[in-house]
Amino acid sequence: MIEPDSIDSLASGDIHKLADQLAQHSQRGAGAHLTPQCVDLALAALRAYGDMLGPPKIKRTRQMFQVEAMDSRGWPEEVLAVVRDALIARAAFEEAVKQHPDRKIRLRHGTNQLAESA
């Protein structure tokens, strides 16, 4: 069973030791039994890594402008940009229209539709 040296090692983030121990078990073709503390440590490390890899979190408000690519029914299929500044929103919309000439692009501010490509 893999377990930390002490609770202090969990507090110091002894993730490398846990990873090394798991790698050794894997190289031997063996599974590993983890203590609940090691499971918590591994989950915390994976979540932190996932947050680091994920898209930046943007707090959207009613004041945000959104550029969307629409599907064939006119529903938003993909969000291409979310910005606060009207000039940047307009520039993002115009660039999206150029980059996606085969798709309908919409610029919205909250629930108001400001522009839509042909």
PDB file of N, CA and C in Angstrom:
ATOM      1  N   MET A   1       0.845  -1.177   0.000  1.00  0.00           N
ATOM      2  CA  MET A   1       0.000   0.000   0.000  1.00  0.00           C
ATOM      3  C   MET A   1       0.890   1.240   0.000  1.00  0.00           C
ATOM      4  N   ILE A   2       0.557   2.175  -0.880  1.00  0.00           N
ATOM      5  CA  ILE A   2       1.313   3.420  -0.940  1.00  0.00           C
ATOM      6  C   ILE A   2       0.686   4.398   0.034  1.00  0.00           C
ATOM      7  N   GLU A   3       1.529   4.947   0.892  1.00  0.00           N
ATOM      8  CA  GLU A   3       1.049   5.954   1.831  1.00  0.00           C
ATOM      9  C   GLU A   3       2.136   6.985   2.063  1.00  0.00           C
ATOM     10  N   PRO A   4       1.750   8.182   2.424  1.00  0.00           N
ATOM     11  CA  PRO A   4       2.745   9.219   2.659  1.00  0.00           C
ATOM     12  C   PRO A   4       3.540   8.937   3.919  1.00  0.00           C
ATOM     13  N   ASP A   5       4.743   9.555   4.002  1.00  0.00           N
ATOM     14  CA  ASP A   5       5.572   9.392   5.193  1.00  0.00           C
ATOM     15  C   ASP A   5       4.861   9.926   6.421  1.00  0.00           C
ATOM     16  N   SER A   6       4.198  11.034   6.258  1.00  0.00           N
ATOM     17  CA  SER A   6       3.464  11.638   7.368  1.00  0.00           C
ATOM     18  C   SER A   6       2.451  12.605   6.797  1.00  0.00           C
ATOM     19  N   ILE A   7       1.589  13.076   7.641  1.00  0.00           N
ATOM     20  CA  ILE A   7       0.614  14.070   7.201  1.00  0.00           C
ATOM     21  C   ILE A   7       1.337  15.325   6.720  1.00  0.00           C
ATOM     22  N   ASP A   8       2.512  15.633   7.308  1.00  0.00           N
ATOM     23  CA  ASP A   8       3.270  16.811   6.892  1.00  0.00           C
ATOM     24  C   ASP A   8       3.670  16.728   5.425  1.00  0.00           C
ATOM     25  N   SER A   9       3.938  15.508   4.930  1.00  0.00           N
ATOM     26  CA  SER A   9       4.338  15.400   3.531  1.00  0.00           C
ATOM     27  C   SER A   9       3.189  15.753   2.602  1.00  0.00           C
ATOM     28  N   LEU A  10       1.948  15.499   3.043  1.00  0.00           N
ATOM     29  CA  LEU A  10       0.802  15.909   2.237  1.00  0.00           C
ATOM     30  C   LEU A  10       0.692  17.428   2.210  1.00  0.00           C
ATOM     31  N   ALA A  11       0.942  18.035   3.353  1.00  0.00           N
ATOM     32  CA  ALA A  11       0.842  19.490   3.421  1.00  0.00           C
ATOM     33  C   ALA A  11       1.908  20.144   2.539  1.00  0.00           C
ATOM     34  N   SER A  12       3.068  19.497   2.405  1.00  0.00           N
ATOM     35  CA  SER A  12       4.127  20.096   1.592  1.00  0.00           C
ATOM     36  C   SER A  12       3.979  19.740   0.115  1.00  0.00           C
ATOM     37  N   GLY A  13       2.968  18.973  -0.246  1.00  0.00           N
ATOM     38  CA  GLY A  13       2.730  18.656  -1.656  1.00  0.00           C
ATOM     39  C   GLY A  13       3.693  17.627  -2.199  1.00  0.00           C
ATOM     40  N   ASP A  14       3.832  16.510  -1.545  1.00  0.00           N
ATOM     41  CA  ASP A  14       4.796  15.489  -1.944  1.00  0.00           C
ATOM     42  C   ASP A  14       4.265  14.679  -3.128  1.00  0.00           C
ATOM     43  N   ILE A  15       3.910  15.391  -4.168  1.00  0.00           N
ATOM     44  CA  ILE A  15       3.308  14.770  -5.344  1.00  0.00           C
ATOM     45  C   ILE A  15       4.335  13.970  -6.136  1.00  0.00           C
ATOM     46  N   HIS A  16       5.572  14.459  -6.201  1.00  0.00           N
ATOM     47  CA  HIS A  16       6.604  13.751  -6.969  1.00  0.00           C
ATOM     48  C   HIS A  16       6.876  12.363  -6.386  1.00  0.00           C
ATOM     49  N   LYS A  17       6.893  12.254  -5.073  1.00  0.00           N
ATOM     50  CA  LYS A  17       7.130  10.952  -4.442  1.00  0.00           C
ATOM     51  C   LYS A  17       5.996   9.991  -4.800  1.00  0.00           C
ATOM     52  N   LEU A  18       4.776  10.456  -4.713  1.00  0.00           N
ATOM     53  CA  LEU A  18       3.637   9.615  -5.056  1.00  0.00           C
ATOM     54  C   LEU A  18       3.715   9.178  -6.520  1.00  0.00           C
ATOM     55  N   ALA A  19       4.056  10.112  -7.416  1.00  0.00           N
ATOM     56  CA  ALA A  19       4.174   9.784  -8.838  1.00  0.00           C
ATOM     57  C   ALA A  19       5.274   8.750  -9.066  1.00  0.00           C
ATOM     58  N   ASP A  20       6.414   8.903  -8.385  1.00  0.00           N
ATOM     59  CA  ASP A  20       7.511   7.941  -8.522  1.00  0.00           C
ATOM     60  C   ASP A  20       7.094   6.559  -8.042  1.00  0.00           C
ATOM     61  N   GLN A  21       6.392   6.506  -6.914  1.00  0.00           N
ATOM     62  CA  GLN A  21       5.943   5.217  -6.396  1.00  0.00           C
ATOM     63  C   GLN A  21       4.948   4.551  -7.352  1.00  0.00           C
ATOM     64  N   LEU A  22       4.039   5.335  -7.894  1.00  0.00           N
ATOM     65  CA  LEU A  22       3.082   4.778  -8.853  1.00  0.00           C
ATOM     66  C   LEU A  22       3.786   4.297 -10.122  1.00  0.00           C
ATOM     67  N   ALA A  23       4.789   5.034 -10.585  1.00  0.00           N
ATOM     68  CA  ALA A  23       5.548   4.629 -11.770  1.00  0.00           C
ATOM     69  C   ALA A  23       6.273   3.311 -11.519  1.00  0.00           C
ATOM     70  N   GLN A  24       6.851   3.137 -10.337  1.00  0.00           N
ATOM     71  CA  GLN A  24       7.549   1.892 -10.011  1.00  0.00           C
ATOM     72  C   GLN A  24       6.588   0.714 -10.033  1.00  0.00           C
ATOM     73  N   HIS A  25       5.413   0.894  -9.468  1.00  0.00           N
ATOM     74  CA  HIS A  25       4.417  -0.184  -9.492  1.00  0.00           C
ATOM     75  C   HIS A  25       4.006  -0.510 -10.922  1.00  0.00           C
ATOM     76  N   SER A  26       3.825   0.518 -11.728  1.00  0.00           N
ATOM     77  CA  SER A  26       3.415   0.328 -13.111  1.00  0.00           C
ATOM     78  C   SER A  26       4.479  -0.408 -13.916  1.00  0.00           C
ATOM     79  N   GLN A  27       5.753  -0.054 -13.710  1.00  0.00           N
ATOM     80  CA  GLN A  27       6.841  -0.707 -14.429  1.00  0.00           C
ATOM     81  C   GLN A  27       6.926  -2.187 -14.088  1.00  0.00           C
ATOM     82  N   ARG A  28       6.546  -2.549 -12.886  1.00  0.00           N
ATOM     83  CA  ARG A  28       6.541  -3.960 -12.491  1.00  0.00           C
ATOM     84  C   ARG A  28       5.276  -4.662 -12.961  1.00  0.00           C
ATOM     85  N   GLY A  29       4.384  -3.924 -13.588  1.00  0.00           N
ATOM     86  CA  GLY A  29       3.129  -4.515 -14.053  1.00  0.00           C
ATOM     87  C   GLY A  29       2.159  -4.764 -12.924  1.00  0.00           C
ATOM     88  N   ALA A  30       2.330  -4.061 -11.841  1.00  0.00           N
ATOM     89  CA  ALA A  30       1.485  -4.255 -10.665  1.00  0.00           C
ATOM     90  C   ALA A  30       0.600  -3.038 -10.453  1.00  0.00           C
ATOM     91  N   GLY A  31      -0.529  -3.280  -9.888  1.00  0.00           N
ATOM     92  CA  GLY A  31      -1.406  -2.182  -9.490  1.00  0.00           C
ATOM     93  C   GLY A  31      -0.925  -1.615  -8.169  1.00  0.00           C
ATOM     94  N   ALA A  32      -1.583  -0.613  -7.696  1.00  0.00           N
ATOM     95  CA  ALA A  32      -1.200  -0.002  -6.431  1.00  0.00           C
ATOM     96  C   ALA A  32      -2.447   0.259  -5.608  1.00  0.00           C
ATOM     97  N   HIS A  33      -2.309   0.047  -4.324  1.00  0.00           N
ATOM     98  CA  HIS A  33      -3.372   0.375  -3.379  1.00  0.00           C
ATOM     99  C   HIS A  33      -2.971   1.682  -2.708  1.00  0.00           C
ATOM    100  N   LEU A  34      -3.845   2.645  -2.763  1.00  0.00           N
ATOM    101  CA  LEU A  34      -3.546   3.959  -2.206  1.00  0.00           C
ATOM    102  C   LEU A  34      -4.324   4.179  -0.920  1.00  0.00           C
ATOM    103  N   THR A  35      -3.688   4.862   0.003  1.00  0.00           N
ATOM    104  CA  THR A  35      -4.404   5.261   1.216  1.00  0.00           C
ATOM    105  C   THR A  35      -5.356   6.387   0.832  1.00  0.00           C
ATOM    106  N   PRO A  36      -6.353   6.624   1.648  1.00  0.00           N
ATOM    107  CA  PRO A  36      -7.256   7.747   1.355  1.00  0.00           C
ATOM    108  C   PRO A  36      -6.512   9.082   1.233  1.00  0.00           C
ATOM    109  N   GLN A  37      -5.456   9.266   2.027  1.00  0.00           N
ATOM    110  CA  GLN A  37      -4.689  10.511   1.948  1.00  0.00           C
ATOM    111  C   GLN A  37      -4.001  10.642   0.589  1.00  0.00           C
ATOM    112  N   CYS A  38      -3.465   9.529   0.076  1.00  0.00           N
ATOM    113  CA  CYS A  38      -2.804   9.575  -1.233  1.00  0.00           C
ATOM    114  C   CYS A  38      -3.811   9.806  -2.353  1.00  0.00           C
ATOM    115  N   VAL A  39      -5.001   9.239  -2.215  1.00  0.00           N
ATOM    116  CA  VAL A  39      -6.048   9.473  -3.208  1.00  0.00           C
ATOM    117  C   VAL A  39      -6.403  10.953  -3.224  1.00  0.00           C
ATOM    118  N   ASP A  40      -6.554  11.552  -2.037  1.00  0.00           N
ATOM    119  CA  ASP A  40      -6.857  12.985  -1.958  1.00  0.00           C
ATOM    120  C   ASP A  40      -5.751  13.813  -2.607  1.00  0.00           C
ATOM    121  N   LEU A  41      -4.508  13.435  -2.352  1.00  0.00           N
ATOM    122  CA  LEU A  41      -3.365  14.150  -2.924  1.00  0.00           C
ATOM    123  C   LEU A  41      -3.372  14.041  -4.452  1.00  0.00           C
ATOM    124  N   ALA A  42      -3.590  12.830  -4.950  1.00  0.00           N
ATOM    125  CA  ALA A  42      -3.605  12.618  -6.398  1.00  0.00           C
ATOM    126  C   ALA A  42      -4.753  13.384  -7.048  1.00  0.00           C
ATOM    127  N   LEU A  43      -5.913  13.364  -6.429  1.00  0.00           N
ATOM    128  CA  LEU A  43      -7.049  14.101  -6.978  1.00  0.00           C
ATOM    129  C   LEU A  43      -6.797  15.608  -6.992  1.00  0.00           C
ATOM    130  N   ALA A  44      -6.221  16.116  -5.919  1.00  0.00           N
ATOM    131  CA  ALA A  44      -5.918  17.550  -5.866  1.00  0.00           C
ATOM    132  C   ALA A  44      -4.923  17.931  -6.965  1.00  0.00           C
ATOM    133  N   ALA A  45      -3.906  17.086  -7.164  1.00  0.00           N
ATOM    134  CA  ALA A  45      -2.903  17.368  -8.196  1.00  0.00           C
ATOM    135  C   ALA A  45      -3.527  17.310  -9.586  1.00  0.00           C
ATOM    136  N   LEU A  46      -4.373  16.317  -9.839  1.00  0.00           N
ATOM    137  CA  LEU A  46      -5.020  16.204 -11.151  1.00  0.00           C
ATOM    138  C   LEU A  46      -5.960  17.375 -11.417  1.00  0.00           C
ATOM    139  N   ARG A  47      -6.711  17.777 -10.389  1.00  0.00           N
ATOM    140  CA  ARG A  47      -7.614  18.915 -10.571  1.00  0.00           C
ATOM    141  C   ARG A  47      -6.835  20.196 -10.853  1.00  0.00           C
ATOM    142  N   ALA A  48      -5.750  20.412 -10.124  1.00  0.00           N
ATOM    143  CA  ALA A  48      -4.929  21.603 -10.343  1.00  0.00           C
ATOM    144  C   ALA A  48      -4.348  21.582 -11.756  1.00  0.00           C
ATOM    145  N   TYR A  49      -3.887  20.430 -12.189  1.00  0.00           N
ATOM    146  CA  TYR A  49      -3.329  20.310 -13.535  1.00  0.00           C
ATOM    147  C   TYR A  49      -4.412  20.557 -14.582  1.00  0.00           C
ATOM    148  N   GLY A  50      -5.593  20.002 -14.359  1.00  0.00           N
ATOM    149  CA  GLY A  50      -6.705  20.217 -15.286  1.00  0.00           C
ATOM    150  C   GLY A  50      -7.093  21.677 -15.372  1.00  0.00           C
ATOM    151  N   ASP A  51      -7.106  22.374 -14.223  1.00  0.00           N
ATOM    152  CA  ASP A  51      -7.414  23.803 -14.228  1.00  0.00           C
ATOM    153  C   ASP A  51      -6.357  24.581 -14.998  1.00  0.00           C
ATOM    154  N   MET A  52      -5.106  24.146 -14.865  1.00  0.00           N
ATOM    155  CA  MET A  52      -4.013  24.826 -15.549  1.00  0.00           C
ATOM    156  C   MET A  52      -4.134  24.655 -17.065  1.00  0.00           C
ATOM    157  N   LEU A  53      -4.621  23.498 -17.524  1.00  0.00           N
ATOM    158  CA  LEU A  53      -4.741  23.223 -18.950  1.00  0.00           C
ATOM    159  C   LEU A  53      -6.007  23.787 -19.567  1.00  0.00           C
ATOM    160  N   GLY A  54      -7.031  23.976 -18.743  1.00  0.00           N
ATOM    161  CA  GLY A  54      -8.322  24.388 -19.260  1.00  0.00           C
ATOM    162  C   GLY A  54      -8.328  25.817 -19.762  1.00  0.00           C
ATOM    163  N   PRO A  55      -9.406  26.169 -20.454  1.00  0.00           N
ATOM    164  CA  PRO A  55      -9.513  27.538 -20.939  1.00  0.00           C
ATOM    165  C   PRO A  55      -9.616  28.501 -19.764  1.00  0.00           C
ATOM    166  N   PRO A  56      -9.157  29.727 -19.956  1.00  0.00           N
ATOM    167  CA  PRO A  56      -9.259  30.689 -18.866  1.00  0.00           C
ATOM    168  C   PRO A  56     -10.716  30.922 -18.509  1.00  0.00           C
ATOM    169  N   LYS A  57     -10.977  31.046 -17.247  1.00  0.00           N
ATOM    170  CA  LYS A  57     -12.341  31.272 -16.795  1.00  0.00           C
ATOM    171  C   LYS A  57     -12.655  32.764 -16.903  1.00  0.00           C
ATOM    172  N   ILE A  58     -13.744  33.055 -17.589  1.00  0.00           N
ATOM    173  CA  ILE A  58     -14.165  34.432 -17.785  1.00  0.00           C
ATOM    174  C   ILE A  58     -15.495  34.610 -17.073  1.00  0.00           C
ATOM    175  N   LYS A  59     -15.539  35.572 -16.191  1.00  0.00           N
ATOM    176  CA  LYS A  59     -16.796  35.869 -15.520  1.00  0.00           C
ATOM    177  C   LYS A  59     -17.636  36.698 -16.478  1.00  0.00           C
ATOM    178  N   ARG A  60     -18.677  36.098 -17.008  1.00  0.00           N
ATOM    179  CA  ARG A  60     -19.518  36.779 -17.978  1.00  0.00           C
ATOM    180  C   ARG A  60     -20.577  37.595 -17.253  1.00  0.00           C
ATOM    181  N   THR A  61     -20.790  38.794 -17.758  1.00  0.00           N
ATOM    182  CA  THR A  61     -21.809  39.670 -17.210  1.00  0.00           C
ATOM    183  C   THR A  61     -22.677  40.180 -18.352  1.00  0.00           C
ATOM    184  N   ARG A  62     -23.714  40.904 -18.003  1.00  0.00           N
ATOM    185  CA  ARG A  62     -24.594  41.450 -19.034  1.00  0.00           C
ATOM    186  C   ARG A  62     -23.868  42.470 -19.912  1.00  0.00           C
ATOM    187  N   GLN A  63     -22.780  43.035 -19.401  1.00  0.00           N
ATOM    188  CA  GLN A  63     -22.044  44.034 -20.158  1.00  0.00           C
ATOM    189  C   GLN A  63     -21.105  43.418 -21.190  1.00  0.00           C
ATOM    190  N   MET A  64     -21.008  42.095 -21.241  1.00  0.00           N
ATOM    191  CA  MET A  64     -20.078  41.429 -22.155  1.00  0.00           C
ATOM    192  C   MET A  64     -20.665  41.373 -23.570  1.00  0.00           C
ATOM    193  N   PHE A  65     -19.773  41.502 -24.543  1.00  0.00           N
ATOM    194  CA  PHE A  65     -20.123  41.305 -25.943  1.00  0.00           C
ATOM    195  C   PHE A  65     -19.701  39.888 -26.313  1.00  0.00           C
ATOM    196  N   GLN A  66     -20.505  39.226 -27.124  1.00  0.00           N
ATOM    197  CA  GLN A  66     -20.213  37.851 -27.479  1.00  0.00           C
ATOM    198  C   GLN A  66     -20.317  37.685 -28.992  1.00  0.00           C
ATOM    199  N   VAL A  67     -19.295  37.050 -29.584  1.00  0.00           N
ATOM    200  CA  VAL A  67     -19.296  36.730 -31.007  1.00  0.00           C
ATOM    201  C   VAL A  67     -19.544  35.229 -31.113  1.00  0.00           C
ATOM    202  N   GLU A  68     -20.585  34.865 -31.858  1.00  0.00           N
ATOM    203  CA  GLU A  68     -20.991  33.459 -31.938  1.00  0.00           C
ATOM    204  C   GLU A  68     -21.068  32.999 -33.389  1.00  0.00           C
ATOM    205  N   ALA A  69     -20.737  31.742 -33.605  1.00  0.00           N
ATOM    206  CA  ALA A  69     -20.977  31.081 -34.889  1.00  0.00           C
ATOM    207  C   ALA A  69     -22.291  30.318 -34.739  1.00  0.00           C
ATOM    208  N   MET A  70     -23.169  30.476 -35.707  1.00  0.00           N
ATOM    209  CA  MET A  70     -24.510  29.897 -35.609  1.00  0.00           C
ATOM    210  C   MET A  70     -24.617  28.595 -36.399  1.00  0.00           C
ATOM    211  N   ASP A  71     -25.534  27.722 -35.968  1.00  0.00           N
ATOM    212  CA  ASP A  71     -25.779  26.490 -36.724  1.00  0.00           C
ATOM    213  C   ASP A  71     -26.831  26.773 -37.805  1.00  0.00           C
ATOM    214  N   SER A  72     -27.238  25.755 -38.542  1.00  0.00           N
ATOM    215  CA  SER A  72     -28.162  25.934 -39.662  1.00  0.00           C
ATOM    216  C   SER A  72     -29.565  26.369 -39.215  1.00  0.00           C
ATOM    217  N   ARG A  73     -29.899  26.140 -37.943  1.00  0.00           N
ATOM    218  CA  ARG A  73     -31.212  26.555 -37.417  1.00  0.00           C
ATOM    219  C   ARG A  73     -31.179  27.948 -36.803  1.00  0.00           C
ATOM    220  N   GLY A  74     -29.978  28.564 -36.746  1.00  0.00           N
ATOM    221  CA  GLY A  74     -29.869  29.891 -36.159  1.00  0.00           C
ATOM    222  C   GLY A  74     -29.562  29.899 -34.679  1.00  0.00           C
ATOM    223  N   TRP A  75     -29.187  28.744 -34.143  1.00  0.00           N
ATOM    224  CA  TRP A  75     -28.818  28.644 -32.728  1.00  0.00           C
ATOM    225  C   TRP A  75     -27.300  28.761 -32.594  1.00  0.00           C
ATOM    226  N   PRO A  76     -26.826  29.358 -31.486  1.00  0.00           N
ATOM    227  CA  PRO A  76     -25.378  29.453 -31.279  1.00  0.00           C
ATOM    228  C   PRO A  76     -24.744  28.064 -31.234  1.00  0.00           C
ATOM    229  N   GLU A  77     -23.741  27.865 -32.060  1.00  0.00           N
ATOM    230  CA  GLU A  77     -23.038  26.583 -32.126  1.00  0.00           C
ATOM    231  C   GLU A  77     -21.682  26.668 -31.431  1.00  0.00           C
ATOM    232  N   GLU A  78     -21.051  27.851 -31.526  1.00  0.00           N
ATOM    233  CA  GLU A  78     -19.719  28.020 -30.960  1.00  0.00           C
ATOM    234  C   GLU A  78     -19.525  29.488 -30.568  1.00  0.00           C
ATOM    235  N   VAL A  79     -18.986  29.700 -29.378  1.00  0.00           N
ATOM    236  CA  VAL A  79     -18.644  31.053 -28.951  1.00  0.00           C
ATOM    237  C   VAL A  79     -17.212  31.322 -29.402  1.00  0.00           C
ATOM    238  N   LEU A  80     -17.039  32.356 -30.213  1.00  0.00           N
ATOM    239  CA  LEU A  80     -15.728  32.670 -30.773  1.00  0.00           C
ATOM    240  C   LEU A  80     -14.984  33.724 -29.967  1.00  0.00           C
ATOM    241  N   ALA A  81     -15.725  34.600 -29.289  1.00  0.00           N
ATOM    242  CA  ALA A  81     -15.082  35.651 -28.494  1.00  0.00           C
ATOM    243  C   ALA A  81     -16.058  36.166 -27.452  1.00  0.00           C
ATOM    244  N   VAL A  82     -15.510  36.542 -26.308  1.00  0.00           N
ATOM    245  CA  VAL A  82     -16.262  37.210 -25.254  1.00  0.00           C
ATOM    246  C   VAL A  82     -15.381  38.355 -24.768  1.00  0.00           C
ATOM    247  N   VAL A  83     -15.872  39.583 -24.933  1.00  0.00           N
ATOM    248  CA  VAL A  83     -15.074  40.763 -24.574  1.00  0.00           C
ATOM    249  C   VAL A  83     -15.963  41.810 -23.914  1.00  0.00           C
ATOM    250  N   ARG A  84     -15.304  42.756 -23.250  1.00  0.00           N
ATOM    251  CA  ARG A  84     -16.035  43.840 -22.581  1.00  0.00           C
ATOM    252  C   ARG A  84     -16.092  45.113 -23.410  1.00  0.00           C
ATOM    253  N   ASP A  85     -15.124  45.315 -24.282  1.00  0.00           N
ATOM    254  CA  ASP A  85     -15.000  46.551 -25.027  1.00  0.00           C
ATOM    255  C   ASP A  85     -15.743  46.461 -26.362  1.00  0.00           C
ATOM    256  N   ALA A  86     -16.548  47.488 -26.667  1.00  0.00           N
ATOM    257  CA  ALA A  86     -17.359  47.485 -27.886  1.00  0.00           C
ATOM    258  C   ALA A  86     -16.503  47.503 -29.152  1.00  0.00           C
ATOM    259  N   LEU A  87     -15.418  48.263 -29.150  1.00  0.00           N
ATOM    260  CA  LEU A  87     -14.564  48.324 -30.341  1.00  0.00           C
ATOM    261  C   LEU A  87     -13.868  46.989 -30.600  1.00  0.00           C
ATOM    262  N   ILE A  88     -13.406  46.364 -29.550  1.00  0.00           N
ATOM    263  CA  ILE A  88     -12.768  45.051 -29.698  1.00  0.00           C
ATOM    264  C   ILE A  88     -13.802  44.019 -30.140  1.00  0.00           C
ATOM    265  N   ALA A  89     -15.017  44.124 -29.614  1.00  0.00           N
ATOM    266  CA  ALA A  89     -16.085  43.204 -30.013  1.00  0.00           C
ATOM    267  C   ALA A  89     -16.377  43.335 -31.502  1.00  0.00           C
ATOM    268  N   ARG A  90     -16.445  44.569 -31.978  1.00  0.00           N
ATOM    269  CA  ARG A  90     -16.729  44.790 -33.401  1.00  0.00           C
ATOM    270  C   ARG A  90     -15.593  44.241 -34.256  1.00  0.00           C
ATOM    271  N   ALA A  91     -14.358  44.463 -33.824  1.00  0.00           N
ATOM    272  CA  ALA A  91     -13.199  43.945 -34.566  1.00  0.00           C
ATOM    273  C   ALA A  91     -13.195  42.416 -34.558  1.00  0.00           C
ATOM    274  N   ALA A  92     -13.539  41.812 -33.422  1.00  0.00           N
ATOM    275  CA  ALA A  92     -13.597  40.347 -33.333  1.00  0.00           C
ATOM    276  C   ALA A  92     -14.685  39.797 -34.251  1.00  0.00           C
ATOM    277  N   PHE A  93     -15.826  40.486 -34.304  1.00  0.00           N
ATOM    278  CA  PHE A  93     -16.912  40.075 -35.195  1.00  0.00           C
ATOM    279  C   PHE A  93     -16.464  40.128 -36.652  1.00  0.00           C
ATOM    280  N   GLU A  94     -15.864  41.247 -37.049  1.00  0.00           N
ATOM    281  CA  GLU A  94     -15.421  41.406 -38.445  1.00  0.00           C
ATOM    282  C   GLU A  94     -14.360  40.366 -38.812  1.00  0.00           C
ATOM    283  N   GLU A  95     -13.452  40.077 -37.895  1.00  0.00           N
ATOM    284  CA  GLU A  95     -12.425  39.056 -38.163  1.00  0.00           C
ATOM    285  C   GLU A  95     -13.049  37.666 -38.256  1.00  0.00           C
ATOM    286  N   ALA A  96     -14.031  37.387 -37.405  1.00  0.00           N
ATOM    287  CA  ALA A  96     -14.707  36.086 -37.449  1.00  0.00           C
ATOM    288  C   ALA A  96     -15.439  35.903 -38.775  1.00  0.00           C
ATOM    289  N   VAL A  97     -16.046  36.975 -39.276  1.00  0.00           N
ATOM    290  CA  VAL A  97     -16.736  36.911 -40.572  1.00  0.00           C
ATOM    291  C   VAL A  97     -15.731  36.585 -41.684  1.00  0.00           C
ATOM    292  N   LYS A  98     -14.546  37.191 -41.628  1.00  0.00           N
ATOM    293  CA  LYS A  98     -13.509  36.923 -42.629  1.00  0.00           C
ATOM    294  C   LYS A  98     -12.996  35.483 -42.530  1.00  0.00           C
ATOM    295  N   GLN A  99     -12.786  35.015 -41.301  1.00  0.00           N
ATOM    296  CA  GLN A  99     -12.213  33.680 -41.107  1.00  0.00           C
ATOM    297  C   GLN A  99     -13.217  32.556 -41.337  1.00  0.00           C
ATOM    298  N   HIS A 100     -14.491  32.862 -41.227  1.00  0.00           N
ATOM    299  CA  HIS A 100     -15.535  31.839 -41.381  1.00  0.00           C
ATOM    300  C   HIS A 100     -16.577  32.308 -42.402  1.00  0.00           C
ATOM    301  N   PRO A 101     -16.191  32.455 -43.669  1.00  0.00           N
ATOM    302  CA  PRO A 101     -17.134  32.982 -44.663  1.00  0.00           C
ATOM    303  C   PRO A 101     -18.325  32.058 -44.919  1.00  0.00           C
ATOM    304  N   ASP A 102     -18.187  30.790 -44.589  1.00  0.00           N
ATOM    305  CA  ASP A 102     -19.261  29.824 -44.831  1.00  0.00           C
ATOM    306  C   ASP A 102     -20.220  29.686 -43.645  1.00  0.00           C
ATOM    307  N   ARG A 103     -19.968  30.442 -42.569  1.00  0.00           N
ATOM    308  CA  ARG A 103     -20.809  30.332 -41.374  1.00  0.00           C
ATOM    309  C   ARG A 103     -21.482  31.668 -41.066  1.00  0.00           C
ATOM    310  N   LYS A 104     -22.658  31.592 -40.487  1.00  0.00           N
ATOM    311  CA  LYS A 104     -23.328  32.811 -40.031  1.00  0.00           C
ATOM    312  C   LYS A 104     -22.720  33.190 -38.683  1.00  0.00           C
ATOM    313  N   ILE A 105     -22.291  34.440 -38.547  1.00  0.00           N
ATOM    314  CA  ILE A 105     -21.661  34.949 -37.338  1.00  0.00           C
ATOM    315  C   ILE A 105     -22.566  36.030 -36.751  1.00  0.00           C
ATOM    316  N   ARG A 106     -22.693  36.015 -35.428  1.00  0.00           N
ATOM    317  CA  ARG A 106     -23.561  36.983 -34.752  1.00  0.00           C
ATOM    318  C   ARG A 106     -22.780  37.685 -33.649  1.00  0.00           C
ATOM    319  N   LEU A 107     -23.027  38.984 -33.502  1.00  0.00           N
ATOM    320  CA  LEU A 107     -22.469  39.781 -32.404  1.00  0.00           C
ATOM    321  C   LEU A 107     -23.622  40.156 -31.483  1.00  0.00           C
ATOM    322  N   ARG A 108     -23.462  39.807 -30.211  1.00  0.00           N
ATOM    323  CA  ARG A 108     -24.504  40.122 -29.223  1.00  0.00           C
ATOM    324  C   ARG A 108     -23.909  40.911 -28.068  1.00  0.00           C
ATOM    325  N   HIS A 109     -24.758  41.715 -27.447  1.00  0.00           N
ATOM    326  CA  HIS A 109     -24.431  42.404 -26.211  1.00  0.00           C
ATOM    327  C   HIS A 109     -25.572  42.078 -25.264  1.00  0.00           C
ATOM    328  N   GLY A 110     -25.310  41.151 -24.328  1.00  0.00           N
ATOM    329  CA  GLY A 110     -26.390  40.644 -23.488  1.00  0.00           C
ATOM    330  C   GLY A 110     -27.374  39.898 -24.359  1.00  0.00           C
ATOM    331  N   THR A 111     -28.643  40.309 -24.311  1.00  0.00           N
ATOM    332  CA  THR A 111     -29.665  39.672 -25.149  1.00  0.00           C
ATOM    333  C   THR A 111     -29.890  40.413 -26.467  1.00  0.00           C
ATOM    334  N   ASN A 112     -29.226  41.547 -26.652  1.00  0.00           N
ATOM    335  CA  ASN A 112     -29.391  42.339 -27.864  1.00  0.00           C
ATOM    336  C   ASN A 112     -28.475  41.870 -28.973  1.00  0.00           C
ATOM    337  N   GLN A 113     -29.046  41.610 -30.137  1.00  0.00           N
ATOM    338  CA  GLN A 113     -28.257  41.262 -31.316  1.00  0.00           C
ATOM    339  C   GLN A 113     -27.820  42.551 -31.982  1.00  0.00           C
ATOM    340  N   LEU A 114     -26.505  42.740 -32.111  1.00  0.00           N
ATOM    341  CA  LEU A 114     -25.975  43.973 -32.693  1.00  0.00           C
ATOM    342  C   LEU A 114     -25.644  43.840 -34.170  1.00  0.00           C
ATOM    343  N   ALA A 115     -25.214  42.649 -34.588  1.00  0.00           N
ATOM    344  CA  ALA A 115     -24.824  42.450 -35.982  1.00  0.00           C
ATOM    345  C   ALA A 115     -24.897  40.965 -36.310  1.00  0.00           C
ATOM    346  N   GLU A 116     -25.095  40.678 -37.604  1.00  0.00           N
ATOM    347  CA  GLU A 116     -25.111  39.285 -38.061  1.00  0.00           C
ATOM    348  C   GLU A 116     -24.607  39.277 -39.501  1.00  0.00           C
ATOM    349  N   SER A 117     -23.731  38.302 -39.793  1.00  0.00           N
ATOM    350  CA  SER A 117     -23.228  38.184 -41.160  1.00  0.00           C
ATOM    351  C   SER A 117     -24.311  37.606 -42.056  1.00  0.00           C
ATOM    352  N   ALA A 118     -24.164  37.821 -43.340  1.00  0.00           N
ATOM    353  CA  ALA A 118     -25.171  37.351 -44.302  1.00  0.00           C
ATOM    354  C   ALA A 118     -25.107  35.874 -44.539  1.00  0.00           C
TER     355      ALA A 118
END
